[in-house]
Amino acid sequence: MANTYTQLYIQFVFSVQDRISLINNSWKDELYKYITGIVQNNKHKLIAINGVADHIHIFIGYKPHQLIPDLLQDIKGNSSGWINKKGFVKGKFKWQEGYGAFSYSHSHIDRVVKYINNQEHHHQKRTFKEKYTKLLQKFNVEYDERYVLKEIQ
């Protein structure tokens, strides 16, 4: 749209179904490149992407021409299909339902990028669930503990 200007930065967080550690170091960079392509094809700007074996963080410059649920459906649906087509895991790879989406101001970009780039270090000290619920609390997001993360069965 003409004369429409935005500056929106959003971090997305989502996990592998049942939080099983399936994202392997041998192919995670390929996954990140694939997801970067999805984000860029949807006309958003990828700022940072990283994670550990059971979840992923994506930080983007968001363009409001697309609804967030549609973008996440595209990212999760296409990347899981790509993982399965490549045969990177035994059985069927799926992302867990739902996601976290957290907005930031321009002044926080460097801090968020540093946080995302240091995921391996952060999760040596705390579990994904601990970090994720802390993020929800920091942003004053109401949540039901029963539905925050599906535990490994």
N, C-alpha and C. Protein backbone atom coordinates (compact mmCIF):
# COMPACT_ATOMS: atom_id res chain seq x y z
N MET A 1 0.82 -1.18 0.00
CA MET A 1 0.00 0.00 0.00
C MET A 1 0.86 1.24 0.00
N ALA A 2 0.50 2.21 -0.79
CA ALA A 2 1.23 3.47 -0.83
C ALA A 2 1.09 4.18 0.52
N ASN A 3 2.15 4.83 0.94
CA ASN A 3 2.15 5.61 2.18
C ASN A 3 1.89 4.78 3.43
N THR A 4 2.19 3.50 3.39
CA THR A 4 2.09 2.64 4.57
C THR A 4 3.51 2.27 4.99
N TYR A 5 3.85 2.65 6.21
CA TYR A 5 5.20 2.40 6.71
C TYR A 5 5.10 1.68 8.05
N THR A 6 5.87 0.64 8.19
CA THR A 6 5.85 -0.11 9.44
C THR A 6 7.26 -0.45 9.88
N GLN A 7 7.40 -0.70 11.17
CA GLN A 7 8.65 -1.16 11.74
C GLN A 7 8.27 -2.16 12.84
N LEU A 8 8.17 -3.41 12.47
CA LEU A 8 7.70 -4.46 13.36
C LEU A 8 8.72 -5.58 13.41
N TYR A 9 9.13 -5.95 14.61
CA TYR A 9 10.10 -7.01 14.79
C TYR A 9 9.49 -8.08 15.69
N ILE A 10 9.47 -9.31 15.20
CA ILE A 10 8.81 -10.39 15.93
C ILE A 10 9.73 -11.60 16.02
N GLN A 11 9.79 -12.17 17.23
CA GLN A 11 10.50 -13.42 17.45
C GLN A 11 9.45 -14.53 17.56
N PHE A 12 9.64 -15.58 16.78
CA PHE A 12 8.78 -16.75 16.85
C PHE A 12 9.55 -17.88 17.51
N VAL A 13 8.87 -18.65 18.32
CA VAL A 13 9.47 -19.80 18.99
C VAL A 13 8.49 -20.96 18.86
N PHE A 14 8.99 -22.10 18.38
CA PHE A 14 8.16 -23.30 18.35
C PHE A 14 9.04 -24.53 18.42
N SER A 15 8.43 -25.64 18.82
CA SER A 15 9.22 -26.85 19.08
C SER A 15 8.82 -28.00 18.17
N VAL A 16 9.68 -28.98 18.16
CA VAL A 16 9.40 -30.24 17.50
C VAL A 16 8.28 -30.92 18.28
N GLN A 17 7.40 -31.64 17.58
CA GLN A 17 6.30 -32.33 18.25
C GLN A 17 6.83 -33.17 19.40
N ASP A 18 6.19 -33.07 20.53
CA ASP A 18 6.56 -33.79 21.76
C ASP A 18 7.94 -33.39 22.27
N ARG A 19 8.49 -32.30 21.74
CA ARG A 19 9.80 -31.79 22.13
C ARG A 19 10.90 -32.85 22.01
N ILE A 20 10.76 -33.71 21.04
CA ILE A 20 11.79 -34.72 20.79
C ILE A 20 12.97 -34.04 20.08
N SER A 21 14.16 -34.36 20.49
CA SER A 21 15.37 -33.74 19.93
C SER A 21 15.69 -34.36 18.57
N LEU A 22 15.04 -33.86 17.53
CA LEU A 22 15.22 -34.42 16.19
C LEU A 22 16.05 -33.55 15.26
N ILE A 23 16.21 -32.28 15.57
CA ILE A 23 16.97 -31.40 14.68
C ILE A 23 18.46 -31.67 14.90
N ASN A 24 19.07 -32.27 13.90
CA ASN A 24 20.45 -32.71 14.00
C ASN A 24 21.40 -31.65 13.46
N ASN A 25 22.54 -31.52 14.11
CA ASN A 25 23.55 -30.55 13.67
C ASN A 25 23.99 -30.78 12.23
N SER A 26 23.91 -32.01 11.75
CA SER A 26 24.38 -32.32 10.40
C SER A 26 23.50 -31.68 9.32
N TRP A 27 22.24 -31.31 9.63
CA TRP A 27 21.36 -30.72 8.63
C TRP A 27 20.63 -29.47 9.10
N LYS A 28 20.91 -29.00 10.31
CA LYS A 28 20.17 -27.83 10.81
C LYS A 28 20.45 -26.57 10.00
N ASP A 29 21.69 -26.38 9.52
CA ASP A 29 21.98 -25.19 8.70
C ASP A 29 21.17 -25.20 7.41
N GLU A 30 21.00 -26.38 6.81
CA GLU A 30 20.15 -26.50 5.62
C GLU A 30 18.71 -26.13 5.95
N LEU A 31 18.23 -26.58 7.12
CA LEU A 31 16.88 -26.23 7.57
C LEU A 31 16.74 -24.73 7.72
N TYR A 32 17.72 -24.10 8.35
CA TYR A 32 17.65 -22.66 8.56
C TYR A 32 17.65 -21.90 7.24
N LYS A 33 18.43 -22.37 6.27
CA LYS A 33 18.42 -21.74 4.94
C LYS A 33 17.07 -21.92 4.27
N TYR A 34 16.48 -23.10 4.42
CA TYR A 34 15.18 -23.37 3.82
C TYR A 34 14.12 -22.45 4.43
N ILE A 35 14.12 -22.32 5.75
CA ILE A 35 13.17 -21.44 6.43
C ILE A 35 13.42 -19.99 6.06
N THR A 36 14.68 -19.60 5.94
CA THR A 36 15.01 -18.24 5.50
C THR A 36 14.36 -17.96 4.15
N GLY A 37 14.42 -18.91 3.24
CA GLY A 37 13.79 -18.76 1.93
C GLY A 37 12.28 -18.57 2.04
N ILE A 38 11.65 -19.32 2.93
CA ILE A 38 10.20 -19.18 3.12
C ILE A 38 9.87 -17.78 3.62
N VAL A 39 10.62 -17.32 4.61
CA VAL A 39 10.40 -15.98 5.17
C VAL A 39 10.57 -14.91 4.09
N GLN A 40 11.65 -15.01 3.33
CA GLN A 40 11.93 -14.03 2.28
C GLN A 40 10.92 -14.10 1.14
N ASN A 41 10.49 -15.30 0.78
CA ASN A 41 9.47 -15.44 -0.27
C ASN A 41 8.14 -14.83 0.14
N ASN A 42 7.93 -14.72 1.45
CA ASN A 42 6.72 -14.08 1.96
C ASN A 42 6.94 -12.58 2.22
N LYS A 43 8.08 -12.05 1.73
CA LYS A 43 8.40 -10.62 1.77
C LYS A 43 8.69 -10.07 3.16
N HIS A 44 9.16 -10.94 4.07
CA HIS A 44 9.60 -10.49 5.38
C HIS A 44 11.12 -10.54 5.39
N LYS A 45 11.74 -9.91 6.39
CA LYS A 45 13.20 -9.89 6.47
C LYS A 45 13.65 -10.78 7.62
N LEU A 46 14.40 -11.83 7.32
CA LEU A 46 14.93 -12.68 8.38
C LEU A 46 16.13 -11.98 9.01
N ILE A 47 16.07 -11.83 10.32
CA ILE A 47 17.16 -11.17 11.06
C ILE A 47 18.05 -12.20 11.74
N ALA A 48 17.44 -13.21 12.37
CA ALA A 48 18.21 -14.27 13.04
C ALA A 48 17.38 -15.54 13.09
N ILE A 49 18.08 -16.66 13.02
CA ILE A 49 17.43 -17.97 13.15
C ILE A 49 18.43 -18.90 13.82
N ASN A 50 17.95 -19.63 14.82
CA ASN A 50 18.79 -20.60 15.50
C ASN A 50 17.90 -21.42 16.44
N GLY A 51 18.47 -22.42 17.01
CA GLY A 51 17.74 -23.25 17.95
C GLY A 51 18.63 -24.35 18.46
N VAL A 52 17.99 -25.32 19.04
CA VAL A 52 18.68 -26.52 19.50
C VAL A 52 17.89 -27.70 18.96
N ALA A 53 18.21 -28.88 19.39
CA ALA A 53 17.65 -30.09 18.78
C ALA A 53 16.14 -30.21 18.88
N ASP A 54 15.51 -29.54 19.86
CA ASP A 54 14.07 -29.71 20.04
C ASP A 54 13.21 -28.48 19.77
N HIS A 55 13.83 -27.33 19.42
CA HIS A 55 13.03 -26.14 19.11
C HIS A 55 13.84 -25.13 18.32
N ILE A 56 13.13 -24.11 17.84
CA ILE A 56 13.74 -23.12 16.96
C ILE A 56 13.24 -21.71 17.33
N HIS A 57 14.11 -20.72 17.11
CA HIS A 57 13.77 -19.31 17.27
C HIS A 57 13.98 -18.63 15.91
N ILE A 58 13.03 -17.83 15.50
CA ILE A 58 13.13 -17.08 14.24
C ILE A 58 12.80 -15.63 14.57
N PHE A 59 13.67 -14.71 14.20
CA PHE A 59 13.47 -13.28 14.45
C PHE A 59 13.40 -12.57 13.10
N ILE A 60 12.29 -11.87 12.86
CA ILE A 60 12.09 -11.26 11.54
C ILE A 60 11.68 -9.80 11.65
N GLY A 61 11.94 -9.08 10.57
CA GLY A 61 11.31 -7.80 10.32
C GLY A 61 10.01 -8.13 9.61
N TYR A 62 8.90 -7.93 10.29
CA TYR A 62 7.59 -8.40 9.84
C TYR A 62 6.87 -7.33 9.02
N LYS A 63 6.35 -7.73 7.89
CA LYS A 63 5.52 -6.87 7.03
C LYS A 63 4.07 -7.29 7.23
N PRO A 64 3.18 -6.37 7.58
CA PRO A 64 1.81 -6.73 7.96
C PRO A 64 0.88 -7.09 6.80
N HIS A 65 1.42 -7.38 5.64
CA HIS A 65 0.57 -7.81 4.52
C HIS A 65 0.08 -9.24 4.69
N GLN A 66 0.67 -9.96 5.62
CA GLN A 66 0.36 -11.38 5.83
C GLN A 66 0.04 -11.61 7.31
N LEU A 67 -0.97 -12.38 7.58
CA LEU A 67 -1.30 -12.71 8.96
C LEU A 67 -0.23 -13.63 9.56
N ILE A 68 0.08 -13.42 10.81
CA ILE A 68 1.08 -14.24 11.49
C ILE A 68 0.74 -15.74 11.43
N PRO A 69 -0.51 -16.14 11.72
CA PRO A 69 -0.80 -17.59 11.62
C PRO A 69 -0.56 -18.16 10.23
N ASP A 70 -0.81 -17.38 9.20
CA ASP A 70 -0.57 -17.85 7.83
C ASP A 70 0.93 -18.01 7.57
N LEU A 71 1.73 -17.07 8.05
CA LEU A 71 3.18 -17.17 7.89
C LEU A 71 3.71 -18.39 8.62
N LEU A 72 3.27 -18.60 9.87
CA LEU A 72 3.76 -19.74 10.64
C LEU A 72 3.29 -21.06 10.04
N GLN A 73 2.09 -21.10 9.51
CA GLN A 73 1.62 -22.31 8.85
C GLN A 73 2.49 -22.63 7.64
N ASP A 74 2.86 -21.59 6.90
CA ASP A 74 3.73 -21.76 5.74
C ASP A 74 5.11 -22.27 6.18
N ILE A 75 5.69 -21.63 7.19
CA ILE A 75 7.02 -22.03 7.67
C ILE A 75 7.00 -23.47 8.19
N LYS A 76 6.09 -23.75 9.09
CA LYS A 76 6.07 -25.06 9.73
C LYS A 76 5.65 -26.16 8.76
N GLY A 77 4.62 -25.91 7.97
CA GLY A 77 4.14 -26.92 7.02
C GLY A 77 5.16 -27.25 5.96
N ASN A 78 5.74 -26.22 5.34
CA ASN A 78 6.71 -26.46 4.27
C ASN A 78 8.02 -27.03 4.79
N SER A 79 8.49 -26.55 5.95
CA SER A 79 9.76 -27.06 6.46
C SER A 79 9.63 -28.50 6.94
N SER A 80 8.51 -28.86 7.56
CA SER A 80 8.35 -30.26 7.97
C SER A 80 8.23 -31.17 6.75
N GLY A 81 7.53 -30.71 5.72
CA GLY A 81 7.46 -31.48 4.48
C GLY A 81 8.83 -31.66 3.85
N TRP A 82 9.62 -30.62 3.87
CA TRP A 82 10.98 -30.65 3.32
C TRP A 82 11.85 -31.63 4.11
N ILE A 83 11.77 -31.59 5.45
CA ILE A 83 12.54 -32.51 6.30
C ILE A 83 12.17 -33.96 5.98
N ASN A 84 10.86 -34.21 5.85
CA ASN A 84 10.40 -35.57 5.55
C ASN A 84 10.84 -36.02 4.17
N LYS A 85 10.75 -35.12 3.19
CA LYS A 85 11.16 -35.46 1.82
C LYS A 85 12.65 -35.79 1.77
N LYS A 86 13.45 -35.05 2.53
CA LYS A 86 14.90 -35.29 2.57
C LYS A 86 15.26 -36.55 3.35
N GLY A 87 14.33 -37.05 4.16
CA GLY A 87 14.59 -38.26 4.94
C GLY A 87 15.57 -38.05 6.08
N PHE A 88 15.56 -36.84 6.66
CA PHE A 88 16.51 -36.53 7.73
C PHE A 88 16.21 -37.27 9.03
N VAL A 89 14.96 -37.69 9.23
CA VAL A 89 14.60 -38.39 10.46
C VAL A 89 13.90 -39.70 10.12
N LYS A 90 13.99 -40.65 11.04
CA LYS A 90 13.22 -41.89 10.89
C LYS A 90 11.80 -41.57 11.29
N GLY A 91 10.85 -42.08 10.56
CA GLY A 91 9.45 -41.76 10.85
C GLY A 91 9.08 -40.42 10.26
N LYS A 92 8.04 -39.82 10.82
CA LYS A 92 7.53 -38.56 10.28
C LYS A 92 7.87 -37.39 11.20
N PHE A 93 8.50 -36.37 10.65
CA PHE A 93 8.81 -35.16 11.41
C PHE A 93 7.60 -34.24 11.42
N LYS A 94 7.30 -33.69 12.59
CA LYS A 94 6.23 -32.69 12.72
C LYS A 94 6.65 -31.66 13.76
N TRP A 95 6.23 -30.42 13.52
CA TRP A 95 6.37 -29.38 14.53
C TRP A 95 5.17 -29.48 15.47
N GLN A 96 5.37 -29.12 16.72
CA GLN A 96 4.28 -29.11 17.69
C GLN A 96 3.28 -28.02 17.30
N GLU A 97 2.01 -28.24 17.61
CA GLU A 97 1.00 -27.22 17.34
C GLU A 97 1.31 -25.97 18.15
N GLY A 98 0.94 -24.83 17.58
CA GLY A 98 1.12 -23.56 18.28
C GLY A 98 2.52 -23.01 18.15
N TYR A 99 2.69 -21.83 18.74
CA TYR A 99 3.96 -21.12 18.68
C TYR A 99 3.88 -19.93 19.64
N GLY A 100 5.02 -19.36 19.91
CA GLY A 100 5.09 -18.09 20.63
C GLY A 100 5.48 -17.02 19.64
N ALA A 101 4.90 -15.84 19.77
CA ALA A 101 5.25 -14.69 18.93
C ALA A 101 5.41 -13.48 19.85
N PHE A 102 6.59 -12.87 19.82
CA PHE A 102 6.91 -11.80 20.75
C PHE A 102 7.47 -10.61 19.96
N SER A 103 6.91 -9.42 20.20
CA SER A 103 7.33 -8.24 19.45
C SER A 103 8.37 -7.45 20.24
N TYR A 104 9.23 -6.78 19.49
CA TYR A 104 10.32 -6.01 20.07
C TYR A 104 10.44 -4.65 19.38
N SER A 105 11.03 -3.71 20.08
CA SER A 105 11.31 -2.42 19.47
C SER A 105 12.65 -2.49 18.74
N HIS A 106 12.89 -1.51 17.90
CA HIS A 106 14.13 -1.45 17.13
C HIS A 106 15.35 -1.46 18.04
N SER A 107 15.25 -0.83 19.20
CA SER A 107 16.39 -0.74 20.12
C SER A 107 16.76 -2.09 20.74
N HIS A 108 15.91 -3.09 20.60
CA HIS A 108 16.18 -4.41 21.18
C HIS A 108 16.75 -5.42 20.17
N ILE A 109 16.89 -5.02 18.92
CA ILE A 109 17.31 -5.97 17.88
C ILE A 109 18.62 -6.67 18.23
N ASP A 110 19.65 -5.92 18.59
CA ASP A 110 20.95 -6.54 18.87
C ASP A 110 20.87 -7.54 20.02
N ARG A 111 20.11 -7.21 21.05
CA ARG A 111 19.98 -8.09 22.21
C ARG A 111 19.25 -9.39 21.83
N VAL A 112 18.20 -9.27 21.02
CA VAL A 112 17.45 -10.46 20.61
C VAL A 112 18.30 -11.34 19.70
N VAL A 113 19.02 -10.74 18.77
CA VAL A 113 19.91 -11.49 17.88
C VAL A 113 20.96 -12.24 18.70
N LYS A 114 21.56 -11.57 19.67
CA LYS A 114 22.56 -12.21 20.52
C LYS A 114 21.95 -13.39 21.27
N TYR A 115 20.75 -13.20 21.81
CA TYR A 115 20.06 -14.27 22.53
C TYR A 115 19.81 -15.47 21.61
N ILE A 116 19.32 -15.22 20.42
CA ILE A 116 19.02 -16.30 19.49
C ILE A 116 20.30 -17.00 19.04
N ASN A 117 21.33 -16.24 18.76
CA ASN A 117 22.58 -16.83 18.30
C ASN A 117 23.27 -17.68 19.37
N ASN A 118 22.91 -17.46 20.63
CA ASN A 118 23.54 -18.20 21.74
C ASN A 118 22.62 -19.25 22.35
N GLN A 119 21.75 -19.83 21.57
CA GLN A 119 20.80 -20.80 22.09
C GLN A 119 21.46 -22.01 22.76
N GLU A 120 22.49 -22.53 22.15
CA GLU A 120 23.15 -23.70 22.72
C GLU A 120 23.64 -23.40 24.14
N HIS A 121 24.22 -22.24 24.34
CA HIS A 121 24.72 -21.83 25.65
C HIS A 121 23.57 -21.66 26.65
N HIS A 122 22.49 -20.98 26.22
CA HIS A 122 21.35 -20.74 27.11
C HIS A 122 20.74 -22.05 27.62
N HIS A 123 20.67 -23.04 26.76
CA HIS A 123 19.99 -24.27 27.14
C HIS A 123 20.90 -25.27 27.85
N GLN A 124 22.13 -24.90 28.07
CA GLN A 124 22.98 -25.70 28.95
C GLN A 124 22.60 -25.45 30.40
N LYS A 125 22.02 -24.28 30.66
CA LYS A 125 21.68 -23.88 32.02
C LYS A 125 20.21 -24.11 32.35
N ARG A 126 19.33 -23.94 31.37
CA ARG A 126 17.89 -24.06 31.61
C ARG A 126 17.23 -24.85 30.49
N THR A 127 16.14 -25.52 30.84
CA THR A 127 15.40 -26.28 29.84
C THR A 127 14.61 -25.34 28.94
N PHE A 128 14.16 -25.89 27.81
CA PHE A 128 13.31 -25.12 26.91
C PHE A 128 12.06 -24.64 27.63
N LYS A 129 11.44 -25.50 28.38
CA LYS A 129 10.21 -25.13 29.08
C LYS A 129 10.47 -23.98 30.05
N GLU A 130 11.56 -24.04 30.78
CA GLU A 130 11.90 -22.95 31.71
C GLU A 130 12.10 -21.63 30.96
N LYS A 131 12.83 -21.67 29.88
CA LYS A 131 13.10 -20.45 29.10
C LYS A 131 11.82 -19.92 28.45
N TYR A 132 11.00 -20.83 27.93
CA TYR A 132 9.78 -20.43 27.23
C TYR A 132 8.77 -19.82 28.19
N THR A 133 8.56 -20.45 29.35
CA THR A 133 7.61 -19.88 30.31
C THR A 133 8.13 -18.55 30.86
N LYS A 134 9.43 -18.41 31.00
CA LYS A 134 10.00 -17.13 31.43
C LYS A 134 9.71 -16.04 30.39
N LEU A 135 9.81 -16.39 29.12
CA LEU A 135 9.51 -15.45 28.05
C LEU A 135 8.03 -15.06 28.08
N LEU A 136 7.16 -16.03 28.27
CA LEU A 136 5.72 -15.73 28.37
C LEU A 136 5.44 -14.80 29.54
N GLN A 137 6.08 -15.05 30.67
CA GLN A 137 5.89 -14.21 31.85
C GLN A 137 6.44 -12.81 31.63
N LYS A 138 7.60 -12.72 31.00
CA LYS A 138 8.22 -11.41 30.73
C LYS A 138 7.30 -10.54 29.88
N PHE A 139 6.59 -11.15 28.95
CA PHE A 139 5.70 -10.41 28.07
C PHE A 139 4.26 -10.35 28.60
N ASN A 140 4.06 -10.82 29.83
CA ASN A 140 2.74 -10.81 30.46
C ASN A 140 1.69 -11.54 29.62
N VAL A 141 2.09 -12.67 29.05
CA VAL A 141 1.17 -13.48 28.26
C VAL A 141 0.50 -14.47 29.20
N GLU A 142 -0.82 -14.41 29.26
CA GLU A 142 -1.55 -15.39 30.07
C GLU A 142 -1.48 -16.74 29.36
N TYR A 143 -1.24 -17.78 30.14
CA TYR A 143 -1.16 -19.11 29.56
C TYR A 143 -1.64 -20.14 30.56
N ASP A 144 -2.05 -21.26 30.05
CA ASP A 144 -2.47 -22.40 30.86
C ASP A 144 -1.32 -23.40 30.81
N GLU A 145 -0.75 -23.68 31.96
CA GLU A 145 0.40 -24.57 32.06
C GLU A 145 0.18 -25.91 31.34
N ARG A 146 -1.07 -26.38 31.33
CA ARG A 146 -1.36 -27.67 30.69
C ARG A 146 -1.15 -27.63 29.19
N TYR A 147 -1.20 -26.44 28.60
CA TYR A 147 -1.15 -26.34 27.15
C TYR A 147 0.09 -25.61 26.62
N VAL A 148 0.94 -25.16 27.51
CA VAL A 148 2.12 -24.42 27.06
C VAL A 148 2.98 -25.28 26.16
N LEU A 149 3.35 -26.44 26.63
CA LEU A 149 4.17 -27.36 25.86
C LEU A 149 3.70 -28.76 26.11
N LYS A 150 3.52 -29.50 25.06
CA LYS A 150 3.16 -30.90 25.22
C LYS A 150 4.40 -31.64 25.64
N GLU A 151 4.32 -32.27 26.77
CA GLU A 151 5.47 -33.01 27.30
C GLU A 151 5.72 -34.27 26.48
N ILE A 152 6.94 -34.73 26.54
CA ILE A 152 7.31 -35.98 25.88
C ILE A 152 6.53 -37.11 26.55
N GLN A 153 5.90 -37.95 25.73
CA GLN A 153 5.06 -39.02 26.27
C GLN A 153 5.89 -40.18 26.74
